[in-house]
Amino acid sequence: MAIHFDLKKIMDERGLTPADIMNMTDLSRNTVKALVGGINTRIDFPTLDVLCEKLGVNPGDLIKYVPNEKDASPQE
């Protein structure tokens, strides 16, 4: 997948646990687990909004685009 969600990185930098995120945001355990584990395939705007608000970050701090290796090769 070319889109990566960096919540785990921010949590590690700040010494936060999934329980801390759940308490700060009132997000469900399953939602936080999916976001931290990188198994999510989408994110709702209200979820992104509460994470940005409570963590003091912008969406671009959480969501990264990383080109696939095959996408990065020159066109023939």
PDB file of N, CA and C in Angstrom:
ATOM      1  N   MET A   1       0.853  -1.189   0.000  1.00  0.00           N
ATOM      2  CA  MET A   1       0.000   0.000   0.000  1.00  0.00           C
ATOM      3  C   MET A   1       0.890   1.241   0.000  1.00  0.00           C
ATOM      4  N   ALA A   2       0.540   2.236  -0.761  1.00  0.00           N
ATOM      5  CA  ALA A   2       1.346   3.435  -0.891  1.00  0.00           C
ATOM      6  C   ALA A   2       0.994   4.504   0.146  1.00  0.00           C
ATOM      7  N   ILE A   3      -0.124   4.350   0.831  1.00  0.00           N
ATOM      8  CA  ILE A   3      -0.517   5.305   1.867  1.00  0.00           C
ATOM      9  C   ILE A   3      -0.233   4.674   3.230  1.00  0.00           C
ATOM     10  N   HIS A   4       0.519   5.383   4.055  1.00  0.00           N
ATOM     11  CA  HIS A   4       0.868   4.885   5.383  1.00  0.00           C
ATOM     12  C   HIS A   4       0.317   5.824   6.443  1.00  0.00           C
ATOM     13  N   PHE A   5      -0.181   5.253   7.512  1.00  0.00           N
ATOM     14  CA  PHE A   5      -0.713   6.017   8.636  1.00  0.00           C
ATOM     15  C   PHE A   5       0.308   5.931   9.753  1.00  0.00           C
ATOM     16  N   ASP A   6       0.851   7.081  10.184  1.00  0.00           N
ATOM     17  CA  ASP A   6       1.979   7.134  11.111  1.00  0.00           C
ATOM     18  C   ASP A   6       1.601   7.379  12.569  1.00  0.00           C
ATOM     19  N   LEU A   7       0.434   6.929  13.001  1.00  0.00           N
ATOM     20  CA  LEU A   7       0.052   7.120  14.397  1.00  0.00           C
ATOM     21  C   LEU A   7       1.043   6.433  15.324  1.00  0.00           C
ATOM     22  N   LYS A   8       1.488   5.235  14.986  1.00  0.00           N
ATOM     23  CA  LYS A   8       2.434   4.494  15.833  1.00  0.00           C
ATOM     24  C   LYS A   8       3.718   5.289  16.038  1.00  0.00           C
ATOM     25  N   LYS A   9       4.212   5.917  14.989  1.00  0.00           N
ATOM     26  CA  LYS A   9       5.438   6.709  15.079  1.00  0.00           C
ATOM     27  C   LYS A   9       5.256   7.866  16.067  1.00  0.00           C
ATOM     28  N   ILE A  10       4.139   8.569  15.971  1.00  0.00           N
ATOM     29  CA  ILE A  10       3.863   9.689  16.875  1.00  0.00           C
ATOM     30  C   ILE A  10       3.719   9.188  18.311  1.00  0.00           C
ATOM     31  N   MET A  11       3.047   8.054  18.474  1.00  0.00           N
ATOM     32  CA  MET A  11       2.898   7.474  19.809  1.00  0.00           C
ATOM     33  C   MET A  11       4.265   7.130  20.403  1.00  0.00           C
ATOM     34  N   ASP A  12       5.121   6.504  19.617  1.00  0.00           N
ATOM     35  CA  ASP A  12       6.458   6.137  20.096  1.00  0.00           C
ATOM     36  C   ASP A  12       7.269   7.365  20.489  1.00  0.00           C
ATOM     37  N   GLU A  13       7.208   8.411  19.672  1.00  0.00           N
ATOM     38  CA  GLU A  13       7.941   9.651  19.955  1.00  0.00           C
ATOM     39  C   GLU A  13       7.482  10.296  21.266  1.00  0.00           C
ATOM     40  N   ARG A  14       6.201  10.144  21.583  1.00  0.00           N
ATOM     41  CA  ARG A  14       5.624  10.796  22.765  1.00  0.00           C
ATOM     42  C   ARG A  14       5.442   9.847  23.954  1.00  0.00           C
ATOM     43  N   GLY A  15       5.804   8.607  23.770  1.00  0.00           N
ATOM     44  CA  GLY A  15       5.657   7.633  24.844  1.00  0.00           C
ATOM     45  C   GLY A  15       4.207   7.313  25.175  1.00  0.00           C
ATOM     46  N   LEU A  16       3.349   7.320  24.163  1.00  0.00           N
ATOM     47  CA  LEU A  16       1.928   7.042  24.361  1.00  0.00           C
ATOM     48  C   LEU A  16       1.610   5.584  24.045  1.00  0.00           C
ATOM     49  N   THR A  17       0.620   5.050  24.724  1.00  0.00           N
ATOM     50  CA  THR A  17       0.143   3.695  24.480  1.00  0.00           C
ATOM     51  C   THR A  17      -1.200   3.763  23.754  1.00  0.00           C
ATOM     52  N   PRO A  18      -1.648   2.643  23.198  1.00  0.00           N
ATOM     53  CA  PRO A  18      -2.992   2.630  22.611  1.00  0.00           C
ATOM     54  C   PRO A  18      -4.065   3.044  23.626  1.00  0.00           C
ATOM     55  N   ALA A  19      -3.900   2.647  24.878  1.00  0.00           N
ATOM     56  CA  ALA A  19      -4.867   3.049  25.919  1.00  0.00           C
ATOM     57  C   ALA A  19      -4.877   4.564  26.101  1.00  0.00           C
ATOM     58  N   ASP A  20      -3.714   5.193  26.014  1.00  0.00           N
ATOM     59  CA  ASP A  20      -3.653   6.659  26.105  1.00  0.00           C
ATOM     60  C   ASP A  20      -4.446   7.300  24.970  1.00  0.00           C
ATOM     61  N   ILE A  21      -4.277   6.776  23.756  1.00  0.00           N
ATOM     62  CA  ILE A  21      -4.995   7.319  22.599  1.00  0.00           C
ATOM     63  C   ILE A  21      -6.494   7.129  22.779  1.00  0.00           C
ATOM     64  N   MET A  22      -6.896   5.946  23.251  1.00  0.00           N
ATOM     65  CA  MET A  22      -8.322   5.693  23.480  1.00  0.00           C
ATOM     66  C   MET A  22      -8.885   6.669  24.508  1.00  0.00           C
ATOM     67  N   ASN A  23      -8.155   6.911  25.591  1.00  0.00           N
ATOM     68  CA  ASN A  23      -8.627   7.830  26.627  1.00  0.00           C
ATOM     69  C   ASN A  23      -8.665   9.278  26.153  1.00  0.00           C
ATOM     70  N   MET A  24      -7.693   9.671  25.352  1.00  0.00           N
ATOM     71  CA  MET A  24      -7.625  11.043  24.856  1.00  0.00           C
ATOM     72  C   MET A  24      -8.730  11.341  23.847  1.00  0.00           C
ATOM     73  N   THR A  25      -9.066  10.339  23.038  1.00  0.00           N
ATOM     74  CA  THR A  25      -9.911  10.578  21.869  1.00  0.00           C
ATOM     75  C   THR A  25     -11.302   9.969  21.954  1.00  0.00           C
ATOM     76  N   ASP A  26     -11.517   9.071  22.884  1.00  0.00           N
ATOM     77  CA  ASP A  26     -12.765   8.298  22.974  1.00  0.00           C
ATOM     78  C   ASP A  26     -12.979   7.403  21.752  1.00  0.00           C
ATOM     79  N   LEU A  27     -11.912   7.091  21.019  1.00  0.00           N
ATOM     80  CA  LEU A  27     -12.014   6.137  19.915  1.00  0.00           C
ATOM     81  C   LEU A  27     -12.057   4.734  20.493  1.00  0.00           C
ATOM     82  N   SER A  28     -12.697   3.820  19.775  1.00  0.00           N
ATOM     83  CA  SER A  28     -12.819   2.449  20.252  1.00  0.00           C
ATOM     84  C   SER A  28     -11.467   1.741  20.206  1.00  0.00           C
ATOM     85  N   ARG A  29     -11.373   0.686  20.992  1.00  0.00           N
ATOM     86  CA  ARG A  29     -10.162  -0.128  21.029  1.00  0.00           C
ATOM     87  C   ARG A  29      -9.858  -0.682  19.641  1.00  0.00           C
ATOM     88  N   ASN A  30     -10.889  -1.164  18.937  1.00  0.00           N
ATOM     89  CA  ASN A  30     -10.689  -1.737  17.598  1.00  0.00           C
ATOM     90  C   ASN A  30     -10.185  -0.706  16.603  1.00  0.00           C
ATOM     91  N   THR A  31     -10.704   0.511  16.688  1.00  0.00           N
ATOM     92  CA  THR A  31     -10.252   1.576  15.781  1.00  0.00           C
ATOM     93  C   THR A  31      -8.792   1.906  16.031  1.00  0.00           C
ATOM     94  N   VAL A  32      -8.435   2.105  17.286  1.00  0.00           N
ATOM     95  CA  VAL A  32      -7.045   2.438  17.622  1.00  0.00           C
ATOM     96  C   VAL A  32      -6.122   1.290  17.233  1.00  0.00           C
ATOM     97  N   LYS A  33      -6.523   0.070  17.513  1.00  0.00           N
ATOM     98  CA  LYS A  33      -5.709  -1.104  17.158  1.00  0.00           C
ATOM     99  C   LYS A  33      -5.456  -1.161  15.657  1.00  0.00           C
ATOM    100  N   ALA A  34      -6.487  -0.915  14.861  1.00  0.00           N
ATOM    101  CA  ALA A  34      -6.334  -0.934  13.401  1.00  0.00           C
ATOM    102  C   ALA A  34      -5.417   0.178  12.916  1.00  0.00           C
ATOM    103  N   LEU A  35      -5.553   1.364  13.487  1.00  0.00           N
ATOM    104  CA  LEU A  35      -4.727   2.490  13.070  1.00  0.00           C
ATOM    105  C   LEU A  35      -3.267   2.291  13.467  1.00  0.00           C
ATOM    106  N   VAL A  36      -3.043   1.795  14.668  1.00  0.00           N
ATOM    107  CA  VAL A  36      -1.676   1.575  15.151  1.00  0.00           C
ATOM    108  C   VAL A  36      -1.020   0.415  14.402  1.00  0.00           C
ATOM    109  N   GLY A  37      -1.797  -0.620  14.122  1.00  0.00           N
ATOM    110  CA  GLY A  37      -1.254  -1.806  13.469  1.00  0.00           C
ATOM    111  C   GLY A  37      -1.100  -1.691  11.969  1.00  0.00           C
ATOM    112  N   GLY A  38      -1.594  -0.608  11.404  1.00  0.00           N
ATOM    113  CA  GLY A  38      -1.469  -0.412   9.963  1.00  0.00           C
ATOM    114  C   GLY A  38      -2.365  -1.317   9.149  1.00  0.00           C
ATOM    115  N   ILE A  39      -3.443  -1.826   9.761  1.00  0.00           N
ATOM    116  CA  ILE A  39      -4.324  -2.728   9.032  1.00  0.00           C
ATOM    117  C   ILE A  39      -5.568  -2.023   8.503  1.00  0.00           C
ATOM    118  N   ASN A  40      -5.639  -0.730   8.721  1.00  0.00           N
ATOM    119  CA  ASN A  40      -6.796   0.018   8.240  1.00  0.00           C
ATOM    120  C   ASN A  40      -6.651   0.297   6.743  1.00  0.00           C
ATOM    121  N   THR A  41      -7.793   0.359   6.065  1.00  0.00           N
ATOM    122  CA  THR A  41      -7.789   0.675   4.633  1.00  0.00           C
ATOM    123  C   THR A  41      -8.473   2.008   4.358  1.00  0.00           C
ATOM    124  N   ARG A  42      -9.013   2.613   5.417  1.00  0.00           N
ATOM    125  CA  ARG A  42      -9.640   3.932   5.282  1.00  0.00           C
ATOM    126  C   ARG A  42      -9.697   4.568   6.660  1.00  0.00           C
ATOM    127  N   ILE A  43      -9.940   5.880   6.677  1.00  0.00           N
ATOM    128  CA  ILE A  43     -10.140   6.583   7.939  1.00  0.00           C
ATOM    129  C   ILE A  43     -11.249   7.606   7.738  1.00  0.00           C
ATOM    130  N   ASP A  44     -12.152   7.669   8.681  1.00  0.00           N
ATOM    131  CA  ASP A  44     -13.238   8.643   8.622  1.00  0.00           C
ATOM    132  C   ASP A  44     -12.722  10.012   9.049  1.00  0.00           C
ATOM    133  N   PHE A  45     -13.263  11.061   8.459  1.00  0.00           N
ATOM    134  CA  PHE A  45     -12.851  12.420   8.810  1.00  0.00           C
ATOM    135  C   PHE A  45     -13.023  12.727  10.296  1.00  0.00           C
ATOM    136  N   PRO A  46     -14.133  12.311  10.935  1.00  0.00           N
ATOM    137  CA  PRO A  46     -14.248  12.587  12.377  1.00  0.00           C
ATOM    138  C   PRO A  46     -13.129  11.926  13.194  1.00  0.00           C
ATOM    139  N   THR A  47     -12.689  10.751  12.784  1.00  0.00           N
ATOM    140  CA  THR A  47     -11.584  10.075  13.473  1.00  0.00           C
ATOM    141  C   THR A  47     -10.293  10.843  13.270  1.00  0.00           C
ATOM    142  N   LEU A  48     -10.026  11.235  12.040  1.00  0.00           N
ATOM    143  CA  LEU A  48      -8.829  12.017  11.740  1.00  0.00           C
ATOM    144  C   LEU A  48      -8.865  13.345  12.478  1.00  0.00           C
ATOM    145  N   ASP A  49     -10.027  13.970  12.532  1.00  0.00           N
ATOM    146  CA  ASP A  49     -10.196  15.252  13.209  1.00  0.00           C
ATOM    147  C   ASP A  49      -9.858  15.151  14.692  1.00  0.00           C
ATOM    148  N   VAL A  50     -10.396  14.141  15.371  1.00  0.00           N
ATOM    149  CA  VAL A  50     -10.156  14.024  16.808  1.00  0.00           C
ATOM    150  C   VAL A  50      -8.689  13.688  17.091  1.00  0.00           C
ATOM    151  N   LEU A  51      -8.071  12.873  16.255  1.00  0.00           N
ATOM    152  CA  LEU A  51      -6.652  12.574  16.437  1.00  0.00           C
ATOM    153  C   LEU A  51      -5.803  13.836  16.271  1.00  0.00           C
ATOM    154  N   CYS A  52      -6.087  14.611  15.239  1.00  0.00           N
ATOM    155  CA  CYS A  52      -5.338  15.854  15.013  1.00  0.00           C
ATOM    156  C   CYS A  52      -5.531  16.830  16.172  1.00  0.00           C
ATOM    157  N   GLU A  53      -6.765  16.973  16.613  1.00  0.00           N
ATOM    158  CA  GLU A  53      -7.061  17.904  17.708  1.00  0.00           C
ATOM    159  C   GLU A  53      -6.357  17.496  18.995  1.00  0.00           C
ATOM    160  N   LYS A  54      -6.500  16.247  19.387  1.00  0.00           N
ATOM    161  CA  LYS A  54      -5.961  15.797  20.673  1.00  0.00           C
ATOM    162  C   LYS A  54      -4.445  15.644  20.668  1.00  0.00           C
ATOM    163  N   LEU A  55      -3.863  15.334  19.516  1.00  0.00           N
ATOM    164  CA  LEU A  55      -2.411  15.176  19.429  1.00  0.00           C
ATOM    165  C   LEU A  55      -1.706  16.462  19.003  1.00  0.00           C
ATOM    166  N   GLY A  56      -2.468  17.466  18.574  1.00  0.00           N
ATOM    167  CA  GLY A  56      -1.871  18.726  18.139  1.00  0.00           C
ATOM    168  C   GLY A  56      -1.056  18.583  16.871  1.00  0.00           C
ATOM    169  N   VAL A  57      -1.586  17.799  15.926  1.00  0.00           N
ATOM    170  CA  VAL A  57      -0.885  17.568  14.661  1.00  0.00           C
ATOM    171  C   VAL A  57      -1.803  17.925  13.490  1.00  0.00           C
ATOM    172  N   ASN A  58      -1.249  17.931  12.304  1.00  0.00           N
ATOM    173  CA  ASN A  58      -2.004  18.129  11.070  1.00  0.00           C
ATOM    174  C   ASN A  58      -2.191  16.770  10.394  1.00  0.00           C
ATOM    175  N   PRO A  59      -3.177  16.639   9.498  1.00  0.00           N
ATOM    176  CA  PRO A  59      -3.370  15.359   8.802  1.00  0.00           C
ATOM    177  C   PRO A  59      -2.100  14.852   8.118  1.00  0.00           C
ATOM    178  N   GLY A  60      -1.311  15.764   7.574  1.00  0.00           N
ATOM    179  CA  GLY A  60      -0.068  15.368   6.904  1.00  0.00           C
ATOM    180  C   GLY A  60       0.969  14.784   7.841  1.00  0.00           C
ATOM    181  N   ASP A  61       0.821  15.027   9.141  1.00  0.00           N
ATOM    182  CA  ASP A  61       1.723  14.418  10.117  1.00  0.00           C
ATOM    183  C   ASP A  61       1.348  12.955  10.363  1.00  0.00           C
ATOM    184  N   LEU A  62       0.115  12.607  10.093  1.00  0.00           N
ATOM    185  CA  LEU A  62      -0.374  11.245  10.322  1.00  0.00           C
ATOM    186  C   LEU A  62      -0.390  10.391   9.059  1.00  0.00           C
ATOM    187  N   ILE A  63      -0.639  11.012   7.916  1.00  0.00           N
ATOM    188  CA  ILE A  63      -0.798  10.272   6.669  1.00  0.00           C
ATOM    189  C   ILE A  63       0.377  10.580   5.741  1.00  0.00           C
ATOM    190  N   LYS A  64       1.028   9.521   5.259  1.00  0.00           N
ATOM    191  CA  LYS A  64       2.172   9.673   4.362  1.00  0.00           C
ATOM    192  C   LYS A  64       1.934   8.898   3.077  1.00  0.00           C
ATOM    193  N   TYR A  65       2.364   9.467   1.967  1.00  0.00           N
ATOM    194  CA  TYR A  65       2.333   8.770   0.683  1.00  0.00           C
ATOM    195  C   TYR A  65       3.738   8.265   0.383  1.00  0.00           C
ATOM    196  N   VAL A  66       3.848   6.969   0.162  1.00  0.00           N
ATOM    197  CA  VAL A  66       5.122   6.359  -0.196  1.00  0.00           C
ATOM    198  C   VAL A  66       4.890   5.590  -1.490  1.00  0.00           C
ATOM    199  N   PRO A  67       5.516   6.035  -2.579  1.00  0.00           N
ATOM    200  CA  PRO A  67       5.283   5.355  -3.859  1.00  0.00           C
ATOM    201  C   PRO A  67       5.689   3.879  -3.796  1.00  0.00           C
ATOM    202  N   ASN A  68       4.905   3.044  -4.451  1.00  0.00           N
ATOM    203  CA  ASN A  68       5.272   1.638  -4.589  1.00  0.00           C
ATOM    204  C   ASN A  68       6.524   1.556  -5.436  1.00  0.00           C
ATOM    205  N   GLU A  69       7.326   0.545  -5.234  1.00  0.00           N
ATOM    206  CA  GLU A  69       8.567   0.375  -5.979  1.00  0.00           C
ATOM    207  C   GLU A  69       8.296   0.335  -7.487  1.00  0.00           C
ATOM    208  N   LYS A  70       7.246  -0.378  -7.891  1.00  0.00           N
ATOM    209  CA  LYS A  70       6.955  -0.477  -9.326  1.00  0.00           C
ATOM    210  C   LYS A  70       6.463   0.858  -9.883  1.00  0.00           C
ATOM    211  N   ASP A  71       5.825   1.699  -9.031  1.00  0.00           N
ATOM    212  CA  ASP A  71       5.353   3.008  -9.467  1.00  0.00           C
ATOM    213  C   ASP A  71       6.513   3.997  -9.636  1.00  0.00           C
ATOM    214  N   ALA A  72       7.618   3.750  -8.939  1.00  0.00           N
ATOM    215  CA  ALA A  72       8.746   4.658  -8.972  1.00  0.00           C
ATOM    216  C   ALA A  72       9.665   4.426 -10.167  1.00  0.00           C
ATOM    217  N   SER A  73       9.480   3.313 -10.870  1.00  0.00           N
ATOM    218  CA  SER A  73      10.367   3.022 -12.007  1.00  0.00           C
ATOM    219  C   SER A  73      10.001   3.919 -13.194  1.00  0.00           C
ATOM    220  N   PRO A  74      11.017   4.272 -13.991  1.00  0.00           N
ATOM    221  CA  PRO A  74      10.765   5.148 -15.142  1.00  0.00           C
ATOM    222  C   PRO A  74       9.862   4.482 -16.170  1.00  0.00           C
ATOM    223  N   GLN A  75       9.078   5.289 -16.847  1.00  0.00           N
ATOM    224  CA  GLN A  75       8.195   4.806 -17.904  1.00  0.00           C
ATOM    225  C   GLN A  75       9.002   4.448 -19.142  1.00  0.00           C
ATOM    226  N   GLU A  76       8.606   3.383 -19.813  1.00  0.00           N
ATOM    227  CA  GLU A  76       9.306   2.994 -21.063  1.00  0.00           C
ATOM    228  C   GLU A  76       8.644   3.610 -22.249  1.00  0.00           C
TER     229      GLU A  76
END
